[in-house]
Amino acid sequence: MASEVYRNLTWAKTTRTRWERDIDEAEEFYHVISRVYEGSGRMFFAMTGFISLSVDVGNDIKLEKAEQRVEQALRNAWLHLRYNHPNIASWVEYDGASEKFRKVYEACEEESDQQAWLESTFHKISTSGTGIEWANSDPPAPKLPTLFVIKSDNHESKDGTIYRDIVFRSPHEIIDGIGTLQLLDNLFILASRAYNQQSSYQIPAFGTEVDNLTPPLRVAALIPPSLSAEQQQRLEQILAENAQLRHGVEIACLPFKVGAELPGVHKRVALTYSRQDTQSLLLACKERNITVTHAYHAAIAMALRDLQEKRHENRRVRYISYCLINLRKHCTAPYNTPTHPVSVIHSSSGRSLVVDLEVPPSKEGGRASTKRRNEFTEVVAGVRDFYLSIRDDKEHLSRVPTYWKSGVPRLPESALLSREVFKVPPPDPSPTVSISSMGRIDDIIAPEHGEFKLHDPWVTGEELRSGLGLFLGSWKGQLTLSAAYNDAWHEGGEVLRFLKSCEQIVWQGLGIDCH
């Protein structure tokens, strides 16, 4: 049924080795946004997936030989991963004849083609710093998803243990955050087998891998091609309400360094809590019938309010945001499983989250803790109700493609055909702070796969604007709150202070102590 309704979105053979399909609205959004910022020399929203690994090889084998065995296992697993998930070798290009963007995949039956792809997308990196420092230092953002295996002088293999960091980079129109984590888990499932089987490890014969190509969200979730009259009316109402939210009110904005017109380097900072503190936080949230995401999204609004200029009189400001929704549970089998991680299967809430807050006058000192706690209780209740209303909206999925389409910048066809580099948009004068929750990451990535022990996985999207993107996720019982920012407009210390402010608001608001 899907192939008939969405024939243009179904993978089709166009030459002996080439397969193509149209892209859907979510893929178009991320691709066009990256084109708009191409002149910066960086890729907007490029995905970064990170994970550390250790392999205990014992003392009966030379470390150099053991390192080669680990790296060969990763290389074999990466090639096998292309067979299982061929979308990691796909890309988007503009087709002038049809005046559409097309997603393209070239099959690689010949071993020479497979080796060429490996040479292009599997890289061993040696660095004097750590893998995290390398990932924070403007790593390449290639056209094709690429795996970097980082060998760090700061974490040398010793005492019979091999250490490596893995950095995965990809355009966002190919994969999203949850998909990146699923892909990393699949990588280590295969790497463990390749490590144990060594030369006897067999990679499937290429040629039939096209059967594993993943469709876009519209097809995977069987979203109808058009809205009913009632759905269209509701959509227009939501968009009109969103447009009205900024009228006649002061918007709470994130302060930033003024001066730079072009984005600099995307950076990430993070706070990780102990298991004891994480457990205390989870229990406190459960008692109040809220989630950790609700708590920190409420804290973002209050922390942003605290950064607003204080004047002689108190005044109201408005925080406007959204929530991000993983839509994999809405997809049909097998697209709702980790066997198809390489796709864009999420959406924003469409409808805006609104929090109105009071900025106290400059003469007023710090607010009493009881007043702050009461304010947090009120704000987090509103945030929770918003999240639940989006979760329970049975019509949300039908509106998702239109939400994505409404955010796609219009580019002239002549520029698309000529690959013209556009003038990079200036920084947003009224930036804000968003949050994305990855949930329990060890429900997505197993901490151990055979000999491979895994540590500290995280994911982020390249931030090229003047706002902040916060991320929540837990690993082995420890919560991490992180932030993506651009160093043209923010300093790492400043961003960490914002995270600490959110932390303080949450812990104080819930009435618990952080150790």
Protein backbone atom coordinates (compact mmCIF):
# COMPACT_ATOMS: atom_id res chain seq x y z
CA MET A 1 0.00 0.00 0.00
CA ALA A 2 2.75 2.45 0.97
CA SER A 3 4.59 1.87 -2.32
CA GLU A 4 1.46 2.81 -4.27
CA VAL A 5 0.56 5.87 -2.20
CA TYR A 6 4.16 7.06 -2.01
CA ARG A 7 5.68 5.76 -5.20
CA ASN A 8 8.01 8.78 -5.36
CA LEU A 9 9.31 8.05 -1.84
CA THR A 10 10.00 4.38 -2.57
CA TRP A 11 13.54 3.34 -3.47
CA ALA A 12 13.72 2.56 -7.20
CA LYS A 13 16.52 1.35 -9.45
CA THR A 14 17.57 4.03 -11.97
CA THR A 15 20.74 2.41 -13.39
CA ARG A 16 22.43 -0.96 -12.91
CA THR A 17 23.92 0.11 -9.57
CA ARG A 18 22.07 3.30 -8.66
CA TRP A 19 18.93 3.54 -6.52
CA GLU A 20 16.99 6.74 -5.84
CA ARG A 21 13.91 8.14 -4.16
CA ASP A 22 12.50 11.55 -3.29
CA ILE A 23 13.19 12.88 0.19
CA ASP A 24 10.39 13.65 2.60
CA GLU A 25 9.82 16.88 4.52
CA ALA A 26 12.01 16.01 7.52
CA GLU A 27 14.97 15.10 5.31
CA GLU A 28 14.41 18.21 3.19
CA PHE A 29 14.43 20.45 6.27
CA TYR A 30 17.82 19.23 7.46
CA HIS A 31 19.37 19.17 4.00
CA VAL A 32 18.25 22.66 3.01
CA ILE A 33 19.28 24.15 6.36
CA SER A 34 22.76 22.67 5.89
CA ARG A 35 22.88 24.20 2.39
CA VAL A 36 21.93 27.62 3.76
CA TYR A 37 24.88 27.49 6.18
CA GLU A 38 27.30 25.87 3.74
CA GLY A 39 29.19 29.15 3.31
CA SER A 40 30.37 28.91 6.91
CA GLY A 41 32.50 25.91 5.98
CA ARG A 42 30.56 23.83 8.48
CA MET A 43 27.49 21.58 8.37
CA PHE A 44 24.49 22.76 10.37
CA PHE A 45 22.95 20.02 12.53
CA ALA A 46 25.64 17.49 11.54
CA MET A 47 25.30 14.56 13.91
CA THR A 48 28.11 13.61 16.26
CA GLY A 49 27.92 10.27 18.03
CA PHE A 50 30.61 9.49 20.61
CA ILE A 51 31.51 6.39 22.61
CA SER A 52 34.64 5.07 24.33
CA LEU A 53 35.67 1.43 24.27
CA SER A 54 38.09 -0.79 26.10
CA VAL A 55 39.11 -4.34 25.25
CA ASP A 56 40.93 -6.56 27.75
CA VAL A 57 43.36 -8.58 25.63
CA GLY A 58 45.51 -9.96 28.45
CA ASN A 59 49.29 -9.99 28.59
CA ASP A 60 49.90 -12.98 26.32
CA ILE A 61 49.72 -10.93 23.13
CA LYS A 62 51.75 -7.92 22.03
CA LEU A 63 49.76 -4.71 22.36
CA GLU A 64 50.56 -3.64 18.80
CA LYS A 65 49.12 -6.88 17.41
CA ALA A 66 46.11 -6.63 19.73
CA GLU A 67 45.46 -3.06 18.58
CA GLN A 68 45.51 -4.18 14.97
CA ARG A 69 43.02 -6.93 15.81
CA VAL A 70 40.63 -4.45 17.48
CA GLU A 71 40.88 -1.94 14.64
CA GLN A 72 40.40 -4.63 11.99
CA ALA A 73 37.29 -5.85 13.83
CA LEU A 74 35.90 -2.31 13.77
CA ARG A 75 36.74 -1.93 10.09
CA ASN A 76 35.04 -5.23 9.20
CA ALA A 77 32.03 -4.30 11.32
CA TRP A 78 31.74 -0.92 9.58
CA LEU A 79 31.67 -2.60 6.16
CA HIS A 80 29.15 -5.18 7.39
CA LEU A 81 27.09 -2.30 8.78
CA ARG A 82 26.86 -0.86 5.28
CA TYR A 83 25.27 -4.10 4.10
CA ASN A 84 22.78 -4.13 6.97
CA HIS A 85 22.08 -0.38 6.82
CA PRO A 86 22.98 0.81 3.31
CA ASN A 87 21.52 4.26 4.02
CA ILE A 88 24.87 5.10 5.68
CA ALA A 89 26.28 5.25 2.15
CA SER A 90 23.45 7.40 0.75
CA TRP A 91 23.38 11.13 0.11
CA VAL A 92 21.03 13.88 -1.09
CA GLU A 93 21.38 15.75 -4.37
CA TYR A 94 19.19 18.09 -6.40
CA ASP A 95 17.67 16.76 -9.63
CA GLY A 96 17.05 19.61 -12.06
CA ALA A 97 14.86 17.51 -14.36
CA SER A 98 12.29 16.75 -11.68
CA GLU A 99 13.06 19.91 -9.66
CA LYS A 100 13.28 17.79 -6.55
CA PHE A 101 15.84 16.68 -4.02
CA ARG A 102 16.63 12.99 -4.37
CA LYS A 103 18.25 10.55 -1.97
CA VAL A 104 20.79 8.42 -3.83
CA TYR A 105 22.46 5.09 -3.12
CA GLU A 106 25.14 3.44 -5.26
CA ALA A 107 25.40 -0.32 -4.76
CA CYS A 108 28.95 -1.64 -4.37
CA GLU A 109 29.13 -5.20 -5.62
CA GLU A 110 32.82 -4.92 -6.56
CA GLU A 111 35.39 -5.36 -3.82
CA SER A 112 37.28 -2.35 -5.17
CA ASP A 113 34.19 -0.19 -4.58
CA GLN A 114 33.86 -1.52 -1.05
CA GLN A 115 37.49 -0.74 -0.28
CA ALA A 116 37.15 2.74 -1.79
CA TRP A 117 34.15 3.40 0.46
CA LEU A 118 36.08 2.15 3.49
CA GLU A 119 39.03 4.40 2.65
CA SER A 120 36.63 7.34 2.42
CA THR A 121 34.52 6.69 5.53
CA PHE A 122 36.67 4.76 8.04
CA HIS A 123 39.54 6.77 9.51
CA LYS A 124 42.09 6.06 12.22
CA ILE A 125 43.13 9.22 14.07
CA SER A 126 46.02 9.66 16.50
CA THR A 127 45.85 12.64 18.83
CA SER A 128 47.77 14.00 21.79
CA GLY A 129 44.49 14.95 23.46
CA THR A 130 41.43 12.92 24.31
CA GLY A 131 38.76 11.70 21.94
CA ILE A 132 36.29 14.13 23.51
CA GLU A 133 38.73 16.99 22.90
CA TRP A 134 39.08 15.89 19.28
CA ALA A 135 35.30 15.77 18.89
CA ASN A 136 35.16 19.28 20.38
CA SER A 137 37.76 20.69 17.98
CA ASP A 138 35.88 21.17 14.71
CA PRO A 139 36.03 17.57 13.41
CA PRO A 140 35.31 16.99 9.72
CA ALA A 141 31.67 16.81 8.61
CA PRO A 142 31.86 14.66 5.47
CA LYS A 143 29.13 14.26 2.86
CA LEU A 144 28.79 10.58 3.77
CA PRO A 145 28.41 9.18 7.31
CA THR A 146 31.94 8.52 8.56
CA LEU A 147 33.53 6.65 11.46
CA PHE A 148 36.64 8.00 13.18
CA VAL A 149 38.60 5.66 15.47
CA ILE A 150 40.58 7.83 17.88
CA LYS A 151 43.82 6.66 19.49
CA SER A 152 44.75 9.06 22.29
CA ASP A 153 48.19 9.62 23.76
CA ASN A 154 46.38 10.54 27.00
CA HIS A 155 44.73 7.11 27.17
CA GLU A 156 47.32 4.72 25.83
CA SER A 157 46.73 0.99 25.73
CA LYS A 158 48.45 -0.63 28.70
CA ASP A 159 48.22 -3.45 31.23
CA GLY A 160 46.67 -5.70 28.61
CA THR A 161 43.82 -3.29 27.78
CA ILE A 162 43.19 -1.51 24.48
CA TYR A 163 41.46 1.90 24.59
CA ARG A 164 39.83 3.74 21.72
CA ASP A 165 37.25 6.49 21.25
CA ILE A 166 34.73 6.36 18.42
CA VAL A 167 33.38 9.51 16.77
CA PHE A 168 30.60 9.10 14.23
CA ARG A 169 29.77 12.05 11.97
CA SER A 170 26.85 12.29 9.55
CA PRO A 171 24.58 14.78 7.82
CA HIS A 172 21.34 15.04 9.79
CA GLU A 173 19.20 14.28 6.73
CA ILE A 174 20.66 10.75 6.87
CA ILE A 175 20.21 9.92 10.56
CA ASP A 176 18.97 11.40 13.84
CA GLY A 177 20.12 11.18 17.46
CA ILE A 178 18.32 8.02 18.57
CA GLY A 179 19.24 6.40 15.25
CA THR A 180 22.90 7.27 15.86
CA LEU A 181 22.84 5.50 19.23
CA GLN A 182 21.12 2.46 17.69
CA LEU A 183 23.70 2.39 14.91
CA LEU A 184 26.58 2.43 17.40
CA ASP A 185 25.05 -0.51 19.26
CA ASN A 186 24.71 -2.41 15.98
CA LEU A 187 28.34 -1.58 15.18
CA PHE A 188 29.59 -3.23 18.36
CA ILE A 189 27.36 -6.28 17.94
CA LEU A 190 29.22 -6.89 14.68
CA ALA A 191 32.64 -5.77 15.97
CA SER A 192 32.43 -8.31 18.79
CA ARG A 193 31.77 -11.12 16.32
CA ALA A 194 34.52 -9.91 13.98
CA TYR A 195 36.98 -9.69 16.87
CA ASN A 196 36.31 -13.26 18.00
CA GLN A 197 36.17 -14.84 14.54
CA GLN A 198 39.13 -12.85 13.11
CA SER A 199 40.01 -14.08 9.61
CA SER A 200 37.02 -16.43 9.49
CA TYR A 201 34.56 -13.54 9.89
CA GLN A 202 32.37 -13.28 6.81
CA ILE A 203 30.68 -10.17 5.46
CA PRO A 204 27.59 -10.79 3.31
CA ALA A 205 28.04 -10.55 -0.45
CA PHE A 206 27.03 -7.09 -1.62
CA GLY A 207 24.42 -6.70 -4.32
CA THR A 208 21.36 -7.57 -2.26
CA GLU A 209 21.99 -4.91 0.40
CA VAL A 210 19.52 -2.67 -1.45
CA ASP A 211 16.77 -4.80 0.10
CA ASN A 212 17.74 -3.18 3.41
CA LEU A 213 17.35 0.44 2.27
CA THR A 214 15.20 2.39 4.71
CA PRO A 215 12.25 4.55 3.60
CA PRO A 216 11.57 8.03 5.00
CA LEU A 217 9.28 8.78 7.93
CA ARG A 218 6.16 9.28 5.77
CA VAL A 219 6.41 5.73 4.44
CA ALA A 220 7.70 4.08 7.63
CA ALA A 221 4.82 5.51 9.68
CA LEU A 222 2.20 5.27 6.88
CA ILE A 223 1.33 8.96 7.23
CA PRO A 224 -1.54 9.81 4.84
CA PRO A 225 -0.49 11.99 1.88
CA SER A 226 -2.98 14.73 2.75
CA LEU A 227 -4.90 16.08 5.72
CA SER A 228 -8.63 15.83 6.18
CA ALA A 229 -10.59 19.09 6.30
CA GLU A 230 -10.76 18.87 10.09
CA GLN A 231 -7.03 18.15 10.38
CA GLN A 232 -6.20 21.05 8.07
CA GLN A 233 -8.37 23.38 10.14
CA ARG A 234 -6.64 22.28 13.35
CA LEU A 235 -3.23 22.73 11.75
CA GLU A 236 -4.05 26.28 10.65
CA GLN A 237 -5.32 27.05 14.13
CA ILE A 238 -2.05 25.81 15.70
CA LEU A 239 0.11 27.81 13.28
CA ALA A 240 -1.97 30.94 13.88
CA GLU A 241 -1.71 30.51 17.65
CA ASN A 242 2.07 30.06 17.39
CA ALA A 243 2.35 33.26 15.34
CA GLN A 244 0.35 35.23 17.93
CA LEU A 245 2.52 34.14 20.84
CA ARG A 246 5.22 36.75 20.16
CA HIS A 247 2.87 39.70 19.76
CA GLY A 248 2.72 42.26 22.54
CA VAL A 249 5.07 40.45 24.91
CA GLU A 250 8.76 40.52 25.76
CA ILE A 251 10.50 37.28 24.80
CA ALA A 252 13.07 35.85 27.21
CA CYS A 253 16.29 35.68 25.18
CA LEU A 254 19.68 34.14 25.85
CA PRO A 255 22.47 36.75 26.15
CA PHE A 256 25.38 36.19 23.75
CA LYS A 257 28.61 37.82 22.61
CA VAL A 258 27.83 40.41 19.94
CA GLY A 259 30.22 40.92 17.03
CA ALA A 260 30.76 37.71 15.10
CA GLU A 261 28.62 37.32 11.99
CA LEU A 262 29.77 33.82 11.07
CA PRO A 263 29.54 30.74 13.29
CA GLY A 264 32.70 29.41 14.85
CA VAL A 265 33.34 25.96 16.29
CA HIS A 266 30.55 23.79 17.66
CA LYS A 267 31.33 22.78 21.24
CA ARG A 268 29.84 20.57 23.94
CA VAL A 269 30.05 20.79 27.73
CA ALA A 270 28.44 18.43 30.21
CA LEU A 271 27.57 17.75 33.85
CA THR A 272 27.36 14.12 34.99
CA TYR A 273 25.71 13.21 38.29
CA SER A 274 26.60 10.37 40.62
CA ARG A 275 24.35 7.33 40.82
CA GLN A 276 23.20 8.47 44.26
CA ASP A 277 22.20 11.93 43.03
CA THR A 278 20.59 10.51 39.92
CA GLN A 279 18.52 8.10 42.01
CA SER A 280 17.46 10.90 44.37
CA LEU A 281 16.39 13.00 41.39
CA LEU A 282 14.42 10.16 39.79
CA LEU A 283 12.60 9.37 43.04
CA ALA A 284 11.73 13.04 43.63
CA CYS A 285 10.38 13.36 40.09
CA LYS A 286 8.36 10.16 40.43
CA GLU A 287 6.78 11.39 43.67
CA ARG A 288 5.58 14.51 41.81
CA ASN A 289 4.40 12.60 38.74
CA ILE A 290 6.86 14.37 36.46
CA THR A 291 9.86 13.25 34.42
CA VAL A 292 13.44 14.48 34.60
CA THR A 293 12.88 16.09 31.19
CA HIS A 294 9.86 18.01 32.52
CA ALA A 295 11.96 19.22 35.46
CA TYR A 296 14.90 20.44 33.39
CA HIS A 297 12.73 22.03 30.70
CA ALA A 298 10.98 24.01 33.45
CA ALA A 299 14.38 24.93 34.88
CA ILE A 300 15.55 26.20 31.49
CA ALA A 301 12.66 28.68 31.41
CA MET A 302 13.45 29.93 34.91
CA ALA A 303 17.22 30.07 34.34
CA LEU A 304 16.68 32.05 31.15
CA ARG A 305 14.39 34.44 33.02
CA ASP A 306 17.12 34.92 35.63
CA LEU A 307 19.46 36.17 32.88
CA GLN A 308 17.13 38.95 31.76
CA GLU A 309 18.04 42.56 32.55
CA LYS A 310 16.45 43.80 35.75
CA ARG A 311 14.81 47.22 35.65
CA HIS A 312 13.14 49.51 38.17
CA GLU A 313 9.81 47.71 37.92
CA ASN A 314 8.97 44.06 37.71
CA ARG A 315 7.76 42.81 34.33
CA ARG A 316 6.61 39.68 32.53
CA VAL A 317 8.70 37.82 29.96
CA ARG A 318 7.75 34.82 27.87
CA TYR A 319 9.78 31.69 27.20
CA ILE A 320 8.75 29.96 23.96
CA SER A 321 10.00 26.49 23.13
CA TYR A 322 8.95 23.06 21.89
CA CYS A 323 9.55 19.42 22.69
CA LEU A 324 11.19 16.85 20.44
CA ILE A 325 9.42 13.54 19.87
CA ASN A 326 10.91 10.20 18.86
CA LEU A 327 8.36 8.72 16.43
CA ARG A 328 9.79 5.22 16.05
CA LYS A 329 6.96 3.64 18.03
CA HIS A 330 4.54 4.98 15.39
CA CYS A 331 6.35 3.21 12.53
CA THR A 332 5.34 -0.14 11.10
CA ALA A 333 7.58 -3.19 11.51
CA PRO A 334 10.48 -3.48 10.90
CA TYR A 335 11.02 0.31 10.83
CA ASN A 336 10.14 0.60 14.53
CA THR A 337 13.20 -1.47 15.51
CA PRO A 338 17.00 -0.94 15.58
CA THR A 339 17.25 -2.93 12.33
CA HIS A 340 16.44 0.38 10.59
CA PRO A 341 18.26 3.10 12.55
CA VAL A 342 19.46 5.22 9.63
CA SER A 343 16.60 7.64 9.05
CA VAL A 344 15.04 10.83 10.41
CA ILE A 345 12.21 9.55 12.61
CA HIS A 346 11.34 12.41 14.94
CA SER A 347 9.47 15.69 15.04
CA SER A 348 9.04 18.83 17.07
CA SER A 349 5.82 19.31 18.98
CA GLY A 350 4.56 21.74 16.33
CA ARG A 351 2.53 23.53 18.96
CA SER A 352 4.69 25.86 21.07
CA LEU A 353 5.42 25.50 24.75
CA VAL A 354 4.79 28.84 26.50
CA VAL A 355 5.96 29.81 29.99
CA ASP A 356 5.25 33.33 31.28
CA LEU A 357 7.50 34.44 34.13
CA GLU A 358 8.11 37.54 36.20
CA VAL A 359 11.43 39.39 36.15
CA PRO A 360 11.79 41.06 39.58
CA PRO A 361 12.88 44.71 39.85
CA SER A 362 16.56 45.52 40.29
CA LYS A 363 15.99 46.67 43.87
CA GLU A 364 14.75 43.21 44.85
CA GLY A 365 17.41 40.83 46.08
CA GLY A 366 17.49 37.09 45.62
CA ARG A 367 14.14 35.38 45.81
CA ALA A 368 13.38 33.37 48.91
CA SER A 369 13.81 29.63 48.43
CA THR A 370 10.15 28.95 49.27
CA LYS A 371 9.01 31.38 46.59
CA ARG A 372 11.39 29.83 44.07
CA ARG A 373 10.18 26.34 44.97
CA ASN A 374 6.55 27.33 44.56
CA GLU A 375 7.32 28.94 41.22
CA PHE A 376 9.12 25.81 40.03
CA THR A 377 6.16 23.65 41.07
CA GLU A 378 3.82 25.83 39.01
CA VAL A 379 6.09 25.97 35.96
CA VAL A 380 6.90 22.24 35.89
CA ALA A 381 3.20 21.39 36.13
CA GLY A 382 2.56 23.47 33.02
CA VAL A 383 5.49 21.86 31.20
CA ARG A 384 4.28 18.37 32.13
CA ASP A 385 0.76 19.12 30.92
CA PHE A 386 2.16 20.39 27.63
CA TYR A 387 4.26 17.26 27.06
CA LEU A 388 1.33 15.00 27.92
CA SER A 389 -1.00 16.89 25.59
CA ILE A 390 1.43 16.34 22.71
CA ARG A 391 1.88 12.68 23.63
CA ASP A 392 -1.87 12.10 23.76
CA ASP A 393 -2.67 14.01 20.55
CA LYS A 394 -3.68 11.23 18.16
CA GLU A 395 -3.63 13.65 15.21
CA HIS A 396 -0.07 14.87 15.82
CA LEU A 397 1.55 12.34 13.48
CA SER A 398 -0.62 13.43 10.54
CA ARG A 399 0.59 17.03 10.95
CA VAL A 400 4.29 16.22 11.28
CA PRO A 401 5.20 16.54 7.56
CA THR A 402 3.56 19.97 7.41
CA TYR A 403 5.41 21.09 10.53
CA TRP A 404 8.70 20.10 8.89
CA LYS A 405 7.76 21.72 5.57
CA SER A 406 6.87 25.02 7.24
CA GLY A 407 10.45 25.35 8.49
CA VAL A 408 12.19 24.72 5.14
CA PRO A 409 13.84 27.88 3.73
CA ARG A 410 12.96 28.64 0.10
CA LEU A 411 16.00 28.47 -2.18
CA PRO A 412 16.03 29.62 -5.83
CA GLU A 413 16.26 26.74 -8.28
CA SER A 414 19.10 28.42 -10.17
CA ALA A 415 21.18 28.35 -7.01
CA LEU A 416 20.36 24.71 -6.40
CA LEU A 417 21.45 23.74 -9.90
CA SER A 418 24.66 25.77 -9.76
CA ARG A 419 25.57 24.73 -6.21
CA GLU A 420 25.74 28.41 -5.34
CA VAL A 421 27.03 29.10 -1.84
CA PHE A 422 24.58 31.30 0.02
CA LYS A 423 25.34 34.17 2.35
CA VAL A 424 25.24 32.73 5.84
CA PRO A 425 22.37 34.13 7.94
CA PRO A 426 23.43 36.44 10.79
CA PRO A 427 23.13 35.19 14.37
CA ASP A 428 19.62 35.12 15.79
CA PRO A 429 19.26 38.37 17.79
CA SER A 430 16.77 36.64 20.13
CA PRO A 431 18.23 33.17 20.74
CA THR A 432 16.67 30.65 23.08
CA VAL A 433 17.47 27.32 24.73
CA SER A 434 15.95 23.96 23.74
CA ILE A 435 16.25 20.49 25.24
CA SER A 436 16.28 16.98 23.80
CA SER A 437 16.06 13.82 25.90
CA MET A 438 17.82 10.60 24.90
CA GLY A 439 16.38 8.72 27.87
CA ARG A 440 18.19 5.66 29.27
CA ILE A 441 20.97 5.20 26.75
CA ASP A 442 21.85 1.75 28.10
CA ASP A 443 18.41 0.67 26.90
CA ILE A 444 19.71 1.50 23.40
CA ILE A 445 23.41 0.60 23.66
CA ALA A 446 24.44 -2.43 25.70
CA PRO A 447 27.39 -1.55 28.01
CA GLU A 448 29.21 -4.71 26.89
CA HIS A 449 29.39 -6.63 23.64
CA GLY A 450 31.68 -9.61 24.10
CA GLU A 451 35.20 -8.32 24.69
CA PHE A 452 34.15 -4.72 23.99
CA LYS A 453 33.31 -2.70 27.10
CA LEU A 454 31.63 0.60 26.26
CA HIS A 455 31.71 3.90 28.13
CA ASP A 456 30.27 7.43 28.02
CA PRO A 457 28.08 7.43 24.88
CA TRP A 458 26.51 10.70 23.79
CA VAL A 459 25.11 12.38 20.74
CA THR A 460 24.69 15.98 19.63
CA GLY A 461 23.81 18.05 16.57
CA GLU A 462 26.12 20.74 15.18
CA GLU A 463 25.06 24.11 16.62
CA LEU A 464 25.75 27.01 14.24
CA ARG A 465 23.37 29.55 15.77
CA SER A 466 23.53 31.77 18.84
CA GLY A 467 21.27 29.63 21.04
CA LEU A 468 21.92 26.55 23.15
CA GLY A 469 20.78 22.98 22.61
CA LEU A 470 20.62 20.97 25.83
CA PHE A 471 20.60 17.17 25.99
CA LEU A 472 19.59 14.77 28.75
CA GLY A 473 20.54 11.12 28.95
CA SER A 474 21.51 8.51 31.51
CA TRP A 475 24.12 5.78 31.28
CA LYS A 476 24.55 2.99 33.83
CA GLY A 477 22.52 4.88 36.42
CA GLN A 478 24.20 8.27 35.96
CA LEU A 479 22.39 11.26 34.46
CA THR A 480 24.24 13.63 32.14
CA LEU A 481 23.06 17.13 31.27
CA SER A 482 24.98 18.54 28.31
CA ALA A 483 24.83 21.58 26.07
CA ALA A 484 25.81 22.24 22.47
CA TYR A 485 26.89 25.78 21.67
CA ASN A 486 28.90 27.76 19.15
CA ASP A 487 32.07 29.44 20.36
CA ALA A 488 31.52 32.49 18.14
CA TRP A 489 28.82 33.61 20.59
CA HIS A 490 29.35 31.70 23.84
CA GLU A 491 32.16 30.63 26.18
CA GLY A 492 32.35 27.20 27.73
CA GLY A 493 32.39 28.56 31.28
CA GLU A 494 29.29 30.64 30.62
CA VAL A 495 27.41 27.64 29.24
CA LEU A 496 28.46 25.47 32.20
CA ARG A 497 27.16 28.16 34.55
CA PHE A 498 23.81 27.98 32.76
CA LEU A 499 23.74 24.20 33.24
CA LYS A 500 24.59 24.65 36.93
CA SER A 501 21.80 27.21 37.23
CA CYS A 502 19.34 24.69 35.76
CA GLU A 503 20.67 22.07 38.17
CA GLN A 504 20.22 24.35 41.17
CA ILE A 505 16.66 25.26 40.14
CA VAL A 506 15.71 21.58 39.76
CA TRP A 507 17.28 20.39 42.99
CA GLN A 508 15.96 23.32 45.00
CA GLY A 509 12.54 23.03 43.37
CA LEU A 510 12.33 19.33 44.24
CA GLY A 511 13.66 19.90 47.76
CA ILE A 512 16.60 17.51 47.48
CA ASP A 513 20.34 17.88 48.07
CA CYS A 514 22.98 17.37 45.39
CA HIS A 515 26.20 15.78 46.60
